[in-house]
Amino acid sequence: MPRALTEVWDWKDAVNDDIKDMSVEEKIRYFSDGLVQAEQLLHGRLIRNDDGSYTLK
């Protein structure tokens, strides 16, 4: 099994553990905060797309 795939599964499991007892509003805030953290970490700029997704430039 590729190491990268195992890492992705570990990250997925960690996120699921983080959000398992959260309300919908808390989950929205959790993922929104994650977007902002990624934006800052990568020194990028979030752009909201017409379909509601985001692009990081």
Protein backbone atom coordinates (compact mmCIF):
# COMPACT_ATOMS: atom_id res chain seq x y z
CA MET A 1 0.00 0.00 0.00
CA PRO A 2 1.43 3.42 -0.92
CA ARG A 3 2.50 5.50 2.07
CA ALA A 4 0.72 8.60 0.71
CA LEU A 5 -2.60 6.75 0.61
CA THR A 6 -2.16 5.57 4.19
CA GLU A 7 -1.45 9.17 5.26
CA VAL A 8 -4.61 10.44 3.56
CA TRP A 9 -6.69 7.80 5.33
CA ASP A 10 -5.10 8.78 8.64
CA TRP A 11 -5.96 12.45 8.03
CA LYS A 12 -9.52 11.50 7.07
CA ASP A 13 -9.92 9.45 10.24
CA ALA A 14 -8.53 12.32 12.34
CA VAL A 15 -11.02 14.78 10.83
CA ASN A 16 -13.88 12.34 11.37
CA ASP A 17 -12.83 11.99 15.02
CA ASP A 18 -12.72 15.80 15.37
CA ILE A 19 -16.22 16.37 13.96
CA LYS A 20 -18.13 13.27 15.07
CA ASP A 21 -20.00 14.99 17.92
CA MET A 22 -20.34 18.44 16.33
CA SER A 23 -23.55 20.09 15.23
CA VAL A 24 -23.92 21.17 11.60
CA GLU A 25 -23.06 24.75 12.55
CA GLU A 26 -19.91 23.61 14.37
CA LYS A 27 -18.85 21.52 11.36
CA ILE A 28 -19.33 24.49 9.05
CA ARG A 29 -17.18 26.63 11.35
CA TYR A 30 -14.55 23.85 11.63
CA PHE A 31 -14.12 23.58 7.86
CA SER A 32 -14.33 27.35 7.35
CA ASP A 33 -11.57 27.86 9.92
CA GLY A 34 -9.52 25.20 8.11
CA LEU A 35 -9.85 27.11 4.84
CA VAL A 36 -8.61 30.29 6.50
CA GLN A 37 -5.69 28.43 8.09
CA ALA A 38 -4.71 26.95 4.71
CA GLU A 39 -4.96 30.37 3.11
CA GLN A 40 -2.60 31.85 5.71
CA LEU A 41 -0.20 28.90 5.77
CA LEU A 42 0.15 28.88 1.98
CA HIS A 43 0.20 32.69 1.70
CA GLY A 44 -2.65 32.46 -0.78
CA ARG A 45 -5.98 34.08 -1.38
CA LEU A 46 -9.31 32.25 -1.28
CA ILE A 47 -11.64 32.94 -4.17
CA ARG A 48 -15.21 31.69 -4.01
CA ASN A 49 -16.36 30.03 -7.24
CA ASP A 50 -19.86 30.31 -8.70
CA ASP A 51 -20.65 26.74 -7.59
CA GLY A 52 -19.85 27.51 -3.93
CA SER A 53 -16.43 25.84 -3.94
CA TYR A 54 -13.19 27.74 -3.38
CA THR A 55 -9.96 28.22 -5.29
CA LEU A 56 -6.73 29.09 -3.52
CA LYS A 57 -4.49 31.42 -5.52
